[in-house]
Amino acid sequence: MKVGDLCKVIKKRTHKPCQYGQHVVLLKALNPLDISPHEVIFWETLNQTTGKWHHHHKDDLEVVSCK
């Protein structure tokens, strides 16, 4: 996963309202200071359905199209 990738939300009940099945674009990696940049845990994303940004855990997303 990298900035600009289009991903599909593959887990339910991660947000309210649920974003399951919606597509998001990866905007920025969000890592704690003690984690390597290569071990991204959370992503700041832009939801293509709602037009709003959110934070998603890497395991909640599946890459659909790479930049």
C-alpha atoms as a PDB file:
ATOM      1  CA  MET A   1       0.000   0.000   0.000  1.00  0.00           C
ATOM      2  CA  LYS A   2       1.175   3.480  -0.830  1.00  0.00           C
ATOM      3  CA  VAL A   3      -0.141   7.025  -1.086  1.00  0.00           C
ATOM      4  CA  GLY A   4      -2.579   7.376  -3.988  1.00  0.00           C
ATOM      5  CA  ASP A   5      -3.743   3.740  -4.042  1.00  0.00           C
ATOM      6  CA  LEU A   6      -7.483   3.100  -4.378  1.00  0.00           C
ATOM      7  CA  CYS A   7      -8.698   0.667  -1.728  1.00  0.00           C
ATOM      8  CA  LYS A   8     -11.956  -1.042  -0.809  1.00  0.00           C
ATOM      9  CA  VAL A   9     -13.103  -1.172   2.823  1.00  0.00           C
ATOM     10  CA  ILE A  10     -13.364  -4.904   3.601  1.00  0.00           C
ATOM     11  CA  LYS A  11     -14.396  -4.863   7.277  1.00  0.00           C
ATOM     12  CA  LYS A  12     -17.759  -3.990   8.769  1.00  0.00           C
ATOM     13  CA  ARG A  13     -18.385  -1.911  11.902  1.00  0.00           C
ATOM     14  CA  THR A  14     -15.154   0.081  11.733  1.00  0.00           C
ATOM     15  CA  HIS A  15     -16.946   3.439  11.341  1.00  0.00           C
ATOM     16  CA  LYS A  16     -20.381   4.956  11.869  1.00  0.00           C
ATOM     17  CA  PRO A  17     -21.982   5.023   9.410  1.00  0.00           C
ATOM     18  CA  CYS A  18     -20.424   1.803   8.132  1.00  0.00           C
ATOM     19  CA  GLN A  19     -18.107   2.205   5.128  1.00  0.00           C
ATOM     20  CA  TYR A  20     -17.988  -1.500   4.238  1.00  0.00           C
ATOM     21  CA  GLY A  21     -17.693  -1.947   0.459  1.00  0.00           C
ATOM     22  CA  GLN A  22     -16.905   1.714  -0.208  1.00  0.00           C
ATOM     23  CA  HIS A  23     -13.737   2.903  -1.909  1.00  0.00           C
ATOM     24  CA  VAL A  24     -11.113   5.155  -0.365  1.00  0.00           C
ATOM     25  CA  VAL A  25      -7.899   6.757  -1.623  1.00  0.00           C
ATOM     26  CA  LEU A  26      -4.826   6.565   0.624  1.00  0.00           C
ATOM     27  CA  LEU A  27      -3.676  10.093   1.513  1.00  0.00           C
ATOM     28  CA  LYS A  28      -1.054   9.722   4.240  1.00  0.00           C
ATOM     29  CA  ALA A  29       0.502   7.050   6.438  1.00  0.00           C
ATOM     30  CA  LEU A  30      -0.159   7.563  10.157  1.00  0.00           C
ATOM     31  CA  ASN A  31       2.474   5.851  12.279  1.00  0.00           C
ATOM     32  CA  PRO A  32       3.439   6.189  15.911  1.00  0.00           C
ATOM     33  CA  LEU A  33       6.922   7.663  16.278  1.00  0.00           C
ATOM     34  CA  ASP A  34       8.449   4.324  17.301  1.00  0.00           C
ATOM     35  CA  ILE A  35       7.256   2.440  14.179  1.00  0.00           C
ATOM     36  CA  SER A  36       9.244   2.166  10.952  1.00  0.00           C
ATOM     37  CA  PRO A  37       7.743   4.035   7.956  1.00  0.00           C
ATOM     38  CA  HIS A  38       7.672   0.665   6.170  1.00  0.00           C
ATOM     39  CA  GLU A  39       5.296  -0.768   8.781  1.00  0.00           C
ATOM     40  CA  VAL A  40       2.233   1.417   8.220  1.00  0.00           C
ATOM     41  CA  ILE A  41      -0.572   0.625  10.664  1.00  0.00           C
ATOM     42  CA  PHE A  42      -3.124   3.363   9.974  1.00  0.00           C
ATOM     43  CA  TRP A  43      -3.880   5.411   6.869  1.00  0.00           C
ATOM     44  CA  GLU A  44      -5.560   8.758   6.456  1.00  0.00           C
ATOM     45  CA  THR A  45      -8.021   8.200   3.605  1.00  0.00           C
ATOM     46  CA  LEU A  46     -10.529  10.047   1.430  1.00  0.00           C
ATOM     47  CA  ASN A  47     -13.833   8.207   1.021  1.00  0.00           C
ATOM     48  CA  GLN A  48     -14.958   8.365  -2.607  1.00  0.00           C
ATOM     49  CA  THR A  49     -18.654   7.970  -1.705  1.00  0.00           C
ATOM     50  CA  THR A  50     -18.926  10.589   1.025  1.00  0.00           C
ATOM     51  CA  GLY A  51     -16.051  12.899   0.073  1.00  0.00           C
ATOM     52  CA  LYS A  52     -14.874  12.913   3.706  1.00  0.00           C
ATOM     53  CA  TRP A  53     -11.534  11.873   5.158  1.00  0.00           C
ATOM     54  CA  HIS A  54     -11.147   9.135   7.750  1.00  0.00           C
ATOM     55  CA  HIS A  55      -8.505   6.971   9.421  1.00  0.00           C
ATOM     56  CA  HIS A  56      -8.414   3.280   8.551  1.00  0.00           C
ATOM     57  CA  HIS A  57      -6.377   0.381   9.908  1.00  0.00           C
ATOM     58  CA  LYS A  58      -4.374  -1.341   7.161  1.00  0.00           C
ATOM     59  CA  ASP A  59      -6.216  -4.628   7.795  1.00  0.00           C
ATOM     60  CA  ASP A  60      -9.556  -2.928   7.037  1.00  0.00           C
ATOM     61  CA  LEU A  61      -8.503  -2.181   3.452  1.00  0.00           C
ATOM     62  CA  GLU A  62      -7.803  -4.090   0.245  1.00  0.00           C
ATOM     63  CA  VAL A  63      -5.931  -2.442  -2.650  1.00  0.00           C
ATOM     64  CA  VAL A  64      -8.055  -2.256  -5.798  1.00  0.00           C
ATOM     65  CA  SER A  65      -5.813  -0.137  -8.000  1.00  0.00           C
ATOM     66  CA  CYS A  66      -2.235   1.040  -7.522  1.00  0.00           C
ATOM     67  CA  LYS A  67      -1.089   4.534  -8.400  1.00  0.00           C
END
